[in-house]
Amino acid sequence: MGTDRRPNPLRYVNLKEWDDGAYGDISFQESQPDTLEEPWPYRFQNGDSVWIHSTGYDWYQGRISGLPKAAQTKMGDGLFWPVTYNRNKRRYAAPLNGELKPDTPPIRKMLEEAGIL
């Protein structure tokens, strides 16, 4: 009867102790996603320029604005990064949910091909 909407609380994470599991493998670190919506592991740094997928189905350029927190993603336990975007919006987003990508040439090319840029 409806969608399961149990809370997914964000929790503090020590990045020095965080285990990326299989996503820490070098093959993931050297790969690129095939689509913009594909869940894809990526470790950001505070201040990194990013692309965030909003709930309105638009992609916005943003910036990582702090340290991540951990919670469940579509792919299991993962990192949620604080992002500021669209001048005054701020929310946590997870690369393993396919909603957060780094601002890199391959990602910009995908955005251009999708008619977003």
N, C-alpha and C. Protein backbone atom coordinates (compact mmCIF):
# COMPACT_ATOMS: atom_id res chain seq x y z
N MET A 1 0.84 -1.17 0.00
CA MET A 1 0.00 0.00 0.00
C MET A 1 0.89 1.24 0.00
N GLY A 2 1.34 1.66 -1.15
CA GLY A 2 2.17 2.86 -1.21
C GLY A 2 3.66 2.56 -1.11
N THR A 3 4.40 3.60 -1.17
CA THR A 3 5.86 3.51 -1.13
C THR A 3 6.35 3.49 0.30
N ASP A 4 7.36 2.70 0.55
CA ASP A 4 7.97 2.67 1.88
C ASP A 4 8.76 3.96 2.07
N ARG A 5 8.38 4.78 3.02
CA ARG A 5 9.02 6.07 3.24
C ARG A 5 9.66 6.15 4.62
N ARG A 6 10.27 5.06 5.06
CA ARG A 6 10.96 5.11 6.34
C ARG A 6 12.10 6.11 6.26
N PRO A 7 12.37 6.82 7.35
CA PRO A 7 13.47 7.79 7.32
C PRO A 7 14.81 7.12 7.06
N ASN A 8 15.67 7.84 6.40
CA ASN A 8 17.03 7.37 6.11
C ASN A 8 17.98 8.37 6.77
N PRO A 9 18.16 8.24 8.08
CA PRO A 9 18.94 9.26 8.79
C PRO A 9 20.41 9.29 8.36
N LEU A 10 20.88 10.50 8.14
CA LEU A 10 22.29 10.70 7.86
C LEU A 10 23.06 10.58 9.16
N ARG A 11 24.23 9.97 9.11
CA ARG A 11 25.03 9.84 10.31
C ARG A 11 26.47 10.27 10.04
N TYR A 12 27.11 10.72 11.10
CA TYR A 12 28.51 11.16 11.01
C TYR A 12 29.37 10.02 10.49
N VAL A 13 30.39 10.37 9.70
CA VAL A 13 31.32 9.37 9.19
C VAL A 13 32.74 9.92 9.27
N ASN A 14 33.65 9.10 9.69
CA ASN A 14 35.07 9.45 9.71
C ASN A 14 35.66 8.95 8.39
N LEU A 15 36.00 9.87 7.50
CA LEU A 15 36.50 9.48 6.17
C LEU A 15 37.78 8.67 6.22
N LYS A 16 38.59 8.88 7.26
CA LYS A 16 39.83 8.11 7.37
C LYS A 16 39.54 6.63 7.64
N GLU A 17 38.38 6.35 8.24
CA GLU A 17 38.01 4.98 8.56
C GLU A 17 36.96 4.41 7.62
N TRP A 18 36.38 5.25 6.78
CA TRP A 18 35.30 4.80 5.90
C TRP A 18 35.83 3.81 4.88
N ASP A 19 35.10 2.70 4.70
CA ASP A 19 35.46 1.67 3.73
C ASP A 19 34.50 1.77 2.55
N ASP A 20 35.03 2.10 1.37
CA ASP A 20 34.21 2.19 0.17
C ASP A 20 33.80 0.81 -0.36
N GLY A 21 34.28 -0.24 0.28
CA GLY A 21 33.96 -1.60 -0.15
C GLY A 21 34.45 -1.84 -1.57
N ALA A 22 33.65 -2.54 -2.36
CA ALA A 22 34.03 -2.85 -3.74
C ALA A 22 34.22 -1.59 -4.57
N TYR A 23 33.55 -0.50 -4.19
CA TYR A 23 33.66 0.75 -4.95
C TYR A 23 35.01 1.42 -4.77
N GLY A 24 35.81 0.98 -3.83
CA GLY A 24 37.15 1.52 -3.65
C GLY A 24 38.15 0.92 -4.62
N ASP A 25 37.72 -0.09 -5.37
CA ASP A 25 38.59 -0.76 -6.33
C ASP A 25 39.04 0.22 -7.40
N ILE A 26 40.26 0.09 -7.85
CA ILE A 26 40.86 1.01 -8.83
C ILE A 26 40.05 1.04 -10.13
N SER A 27 39.40 -0.07 -10.51
CA SER A 27 38.62 -0.09 -11.75
C SER A 27 37.46 0.90 -11.70
N PHE A 28 36.85 1.07 -10.51
CA PHE A 28 35.79 2.06 -10.37
C PHE A 28 36.36 3.48 -10.39
N GLN A 29 37.51 3.65 -9.76
CA GLN A 29 38.10 4.97 -9.67
C GLN A 29 38.56 5.50 -11.03
N GLU A 30 38.89 4.60 -11.94
CA GLU A 30 39.38 5.00 -13.26
C GLU A 30 38.29 4.97 -14.32
N SER A 31 37.08 4.57 -13.96
CA SER A 31 36.00 4.45 -14.94
C SER A 31 35.18 5.74 -15.00
N GLN A 32 34.25 5.78 -15.95
CA GLN A 32 33.29 6.86 -16.09
C GLN A 32 31.91 6.23 -16.16
N PRO A 33 30.87 6.93 -15.71
CA PRO A 33 29.52 6.37 -15.84
C PRO A 33 29.10 6.34 -17.31
N ASP A 34 28.17 5.43 -17.65
CA ASP A 34 27.67 5.34 -19.01
C ASP A 34 26.53 6.32 -19.27
N THR A 35 25.80 6.69 -18.20
CA THR A 35 24.70 7.63 -18.32
C THR A 35 24.76 8.61 -17.15
N LEU A 36 24.05 9.71 -17.27
CA LEU A 36 24.03 10.70 -16.19
C LEU A 36 23.36 10.14 -14.93
N GLU A 37 22.36 9.29 -15.09
CA GLU A 37 21.60 8.78 -13.95
C GLU A 37 22.25 7.56 -13.29
N GLU A 38 23.30 7.04 -13.88
CA GLU A 38 23.93 5.83 -13.35
C GLU A 38 24.57 6.07 -11.98
N PRO A 39 24.25 5.22 -10.99
CA PRO A 39 24.97 5.31 -9.72
C PRO A 39 26.45 5.06 -9.99
N TRP A 40 27.28 5.92 -9.42
CA TRP A 40 28.71 5.85 -9.74
C TRP A 40 29.50 6.37 -8.55
N PRO A 41 30.40 5.56 -8.02
CA PRO A 41 31.16 5.98 -6.84
C PRO A 41 32.16 7.08 -7.16
N TYR A 42 32.24 8.04 -6.28
CA TYR A 42 33.20 9.13 -6.46
C TYR A 42 33.46 9.77 -5.11
N ARG A 43 34.72 10.05 -4.81
CA ARG A 43 35.10 10.74 -3.57
C ARG A 43 35.35 12.20 -3.88
N PHE A 44 34.54 13.07 -3.31
CA PHE A 44 34.69 14.50 -3.52
C PHE A 44 35.55 15.12 -2.43
N GLN A 45 35.94 16.36 -2.67
CA GLN A 45 36.63 17.18 -1.68
C GLN A 45 35.79 18.43 -1.45
N ASN A 46 35.87 18.98 -0.26
CA ASN A 46 35.15 20.22 0.03
C ASN A 46 35.55 21.28 -1.00
N GLY A 47 34.57 21.94 -1.60
CA GLY A 47 34.84 22.98 -2.60
C GLY A 47 34.81 22.49 -4.03
N ASP A 48 34.75 21.18 -4.25
CA ASP A 48 34.70 20.65 -5.62
C ASP A 48 33.46 21.15 -6.36
N SER A 49 33.63 21.45 -7.64
CA SER A 49 32.51 21.79 -8.50
C SER A 49 31.84 20.49 -8.93
N VAL A 50 30.49 20.47 -8.87
CA VAL A 50 29.74 19.25 -9.15
C VAL A 50 28.48 19.55 -9.96
N TRP A 51 27.82 18.51 -10.41
CA TRP A 51 26.51 18.57 -11.02
C TRP A 51 25.57 17.75 -10.15
N ILE A 52 24.43 18.37 -9.76
CA ILE A 52 23.47 17.71 -8.89
C ILE A 52 22.14 17.61 -9.62
N HIS A 53 21.53 16.45 -9.50
CA HIS A 53 20.22 16.20 -10.12
C HIS A 53 19.15 16.51 -9.11
N SER A 54 18.32 17.49 -9.41
CA SER A 54 17.29 17.92 -8.46
C SER A 54 16.06 17.03 -8.56
N THR A 55 15.18 17.17 -7.60
CA THR A 55 13.95 16.39 -7.62
C THR A 55 13.04 16.81 -8.76
N GLY A 56 13.28 17.97 -9.33
CA GLY A 56 12.51 18.43 -10.48
C GLY A 56 13.06 17.93 -11.81
N TYR A 57 13.98 16.99 -11.77
CA TYR A 57 14.58 16.36 -12.95
C TYR A 57 15.54 17.26 -13.73
N ASP A 58 15.98 18.35 -13.12
CA ASP A 58 16.96 19.21 -13.76
C ASP A 58 18.33 18.96 -13.13
N TRP A 59 19.37 19.21 -13.91
CA TRP A 59 20.74 19.15 -13.40
C TRP A 59 21.20 20.58 -13.15
N TYR A 60 21.81 20.82 -12.02
CA TYR A 60 22.34 22.14 -11.66
C TYR A 60 23.81 22.03 -11.31
N GLN A 61 24.56 23.06 -11.66
CA GLN A 61 25.95 23.12 -11.23
C GLN A 61 25.95 23.56 -9.77
N GLY A 62 26.80 22.93 -8.98
CA GLY A 62 26.88 23.25 -7.56
C GLY A 62 28.29 23.09 -7.05
N ARG A 63 28.40 23.12 -5.74
CA ARG A 63 29.71 23.00 -5.10
C ARG A 63 29.56 22.19 -3.82
N ILE A 64 30.51 21.29 -3.59
CA ILE A 64 30.55 20.53 -2.33
C ILE A 64 30.82 21.54 -1.22
N SER A 65 29.99 21.49 -0.17
CA SER A 65 30.09 22.52 0.88
C SER A 65 30.27 21.91 2.27
N GLY A 66 31.17 20.97 2.38
CA GLY A 66 31.44 20.39 3.69
C GLY A 66 31.80 18.92 3.58
N LEU A 67 31.74 18.26 4.72
CA LEU A 67 32.08 16.84 4.80
C LEU A 67 30.84 15.98 4.62
N PRO A 68 31.02 14.76 4.11
CA PRO A 68 29.86 13.90 3.87
C PRO A 68 29.34 13.28 5.16
N LYS A 69 28.14 12.72 5.02
CA LYS A 69 27.55 11.87 6.05
C LYS A 69 27.18 10.57 5.38
N ALA A 70 26.95 9.54 6.16
CA ALA A 70 26.64 8.22 5.61
C ALA A 70 25.17 7.89 5.80
N ALA A 71 24.63 7.11 4.86
CA ALA A 71 23.26 6.60 4.94
C ALA A 71 23.10 5.55 3.84
N GLN A 72 21.93 4.96 3.77
CA GLN A 72 21.65 3.98 2.73
C GLN A 72 21.42 4.66 1.39
N THR A 73 22.05 4.14 0.34
CA THR A 73 21.83 4.59 -1.02
C THR A 73 21.15 3.46 -1.78
N LYS A 74 20.91 3.66 -3.06
CA LYS A 74 20.36 2.59 -3.91
C LYS A 74 21.29 1.39 -3.97
N MET A 75 22.57 1.63 -3.74
CA MET A 75 23.58 0.58 -3.89
C MET A 75 24.10 0.07 -2.54
N GLY A 76 23.46 0.41 -1.45
CA GLY A 76 23.94 0.02 -0.12
C GLY A 76 24.40 1.24 0.65
N ASP A 77 25.17 1.00 1.70
CA ASP A 77 25.66 2.10 2.52
C ASP A 77 26.59 2.98 1.68
N GLY A 78 26.41 4.30 1.76
CA GLY A 78 27.23 5.19 0.95
C GLY A 78 27.31 6.58 1.55
N LEU A 79 28.06 7.42 0.88
CA LEU A 79 28.31 8.79 1.34
C LEU A 79 27.35 9.77 0.67
N PHE A 80 26.81 10.67 1.48
CA PHE A 80 25.97 11.77 1.02
C PHE A 80 26.74 13.05 1.25
N TRP A 81 26.93 13.82 0.18
CA TRP A 81 27.75 15.03 0.23
C TRP A 81 26.86 16.27 0.29
N PRO A 82 27.19 17.27 1.13
CA PRO A 82 26.42 18.51 1.15
C PRO A 82 26.77 19.35 -0.08
N VAL A 83 25.74 19.80 -0.78
CA VAL A 83 25.93 20.55 -2.02
C VAL A 83 25.11 21.83 -1.95
N THR A 84 25.74 22.95 -2.31
CA THR A 84 25.00 24.19 -2.51
C THR A 84 24.86 24.38 -4.01
N TYR A 85 23.67 24.79 -4.44
CA TYR A 85 23.40 24.95 -5.87
C TYR A 85 22.24 25.91 -6.08
N ASN A 86 22.08 26.35 -7.30
CA ASN A 86 20.97 27.24 -7.67
C ASN A 86 20.88 28.44 -6.72
N ARG A 87 21.99 29.04 -6.44
CA ARG A 87 22.19 30.23 -5.59
C ARG A 87 21.94 30.02 -4.11
N ASN A 88 20.78 29.49 -3.72
CA ASN A 88 20.49 29.44 -2.29
C ASN A 88 19.98 28.08 -1.80
N LYS A 89 20.12 27.06 -2.62
CA LYS A 89 19.65 25.74 -2.21
C LYS A 89 20.82 24.92 -1.68
N ARG A 90 20.50 24.05 -0.71
CA ARG A 90 21.52 23.17 -0.14
C ARG A 90 20.86 21.86 0.23
N ARG A 91 21.49 20.77 -0.16
CA ARG A 91 21.00 19.45 0.25
C ARG A 91 22.12 18.43 0.15
N TYR A 92 21.88 17.29 0.77
CA TYR A 92 22.82 16.19 0.69
C TYR A 92 22.44 15.31 -0.50
N ALA A 93 23.43 14.88 -1.27
CA ALA A 93 23.20 14.03 -2.42
C ALA A 93 24.29 12.96 -2.47
N ALA A 94 23.94 11.83 -3.07
CA ALA A 94 24.86 10.69 -3.10
C ALA A 94 25.19 10.27 -4.53
N PRO A 95 26.48 10.12 -4.83
CA PRO A 95 26.85 9.62 -6.15
C PRO A 95 26.31 8.21 -6.41
N LEU A 96 26.16 7.41 -5.35
CA LEU A 96 25.65 6.06 -5.53
C LEU A 96 24.14 6.03 -5.74
N ASN A 97 23.48 7.19 -5.71
CA ASN A 97 22.08 7.28 -6.10
C ASN A 97 21.95 7.84 -7.52
N GLY A 98 23.09 8.15 -8.15
CA GLY A 98 23.07 8.69 -9.51
C GLY A 98 22.68 10.15 -9.58
N GLU A 99 22.69 10.84 -8.45
CA GLU A 99 22.22 12.23 -8.40
C GLU A 99 23.32 13.25 -8.24
N LEU A 100 24.57 12.80 -8.23
CA LEU A 100 25.69 13.71 -8.02
C LEU A 100 26.88 13.25 -8.85
N LYS A 101 27.39 14.17 -9.66
CA LYS A 101 28.53 13.87 -10.52
C LYS A 101 29.57 14.98 -10.41
N PRO A 102 30.85 14.64 -10.60
CA PRO A 102 31.88 15.69 -10.60
C PRO A 102 31.78 16.53 -11.87
N ASP A 103 32.23 17.75 -11.80
CA ASP A 103 32.25 18.63 -12.97
C ASP A 103 33.54 18.36 -13.72
N THR A 104 33.49 17.36 -14.58
CA THR A 104 34.65 16.94 -15.37
C THR A 104 34.30 16.99 -16.86
N PRO A 105 35.31 17.00 -17.74
CA PRO A 105 35.00 17.01 -19.18
C PRO A 105 34.08 15.87 -19.63
N PRO A 106 34.27 14.61 -19.19
CA PRO A 106 33.34 13.56 -19.64
C PRO A 106 31.90 13.79 -19.18
N ILE A 107 31.72 14.31 -17.98
CA ILE A 107 30.36 14.57 -17.48
C ILE A 107 29.75 15.74 -18.24
N ARG A 108 30.53 16.79 -18.47
CA ARG A 108 30.02 17.93 -19.25
C ARG A 108 29.62 17.49 -20.66
N LYS A 109 30.38 16.55 -21.25
CA LYS A 109 30.04 16.04 -22.58
C LYS A 109 28.69 15.32 -22.54
N MET A 110 28.45 14.51 -21.49
CA MET A 110 27.15 13.84 -21.34
C MET A 110 26.02 14.86 -21.20
N LEU A 111 26.27 15.91 -20.42
CA LEU A 111 25.26 16.96 -20.23
C LEU A 111 24.97 17.68 -21.55
N GLU A 112 26.00 17.92 -22.36
CA GLU A 112 25.82 18.55 -23.67
C GLU A 112 24.98 17.63 -24.58
N GLU A 113 25.34 16.34 -24.60
CA GLU A 113 24.63 15.39 -25.44
C GLU A 113 23.17 15.24 -25.02
N ALA A 114 22.89 15.46 -23.74
CA ALA A 114 21.51 15.37 -23.24
C ALA A 114 20.75 16.69 -23.42
N GLY A 115 21.43 17.71 -23.98
CA GLY A 115 20.79 19.00 -24.22
C GLY A 115 20.65 19.86 -22.99
N ILE A 116 21.42 19.56 -21.95
CA ILE A 116 21.35 20.32 -20.70
C ILE A 116 22.27 21.52 -20.74
N LEU A 117 23.40 21.39 -21.39
CA LEU A 117 24.34 22.52 -21.52
C LEU A 117 24.24 23.12 -22.92
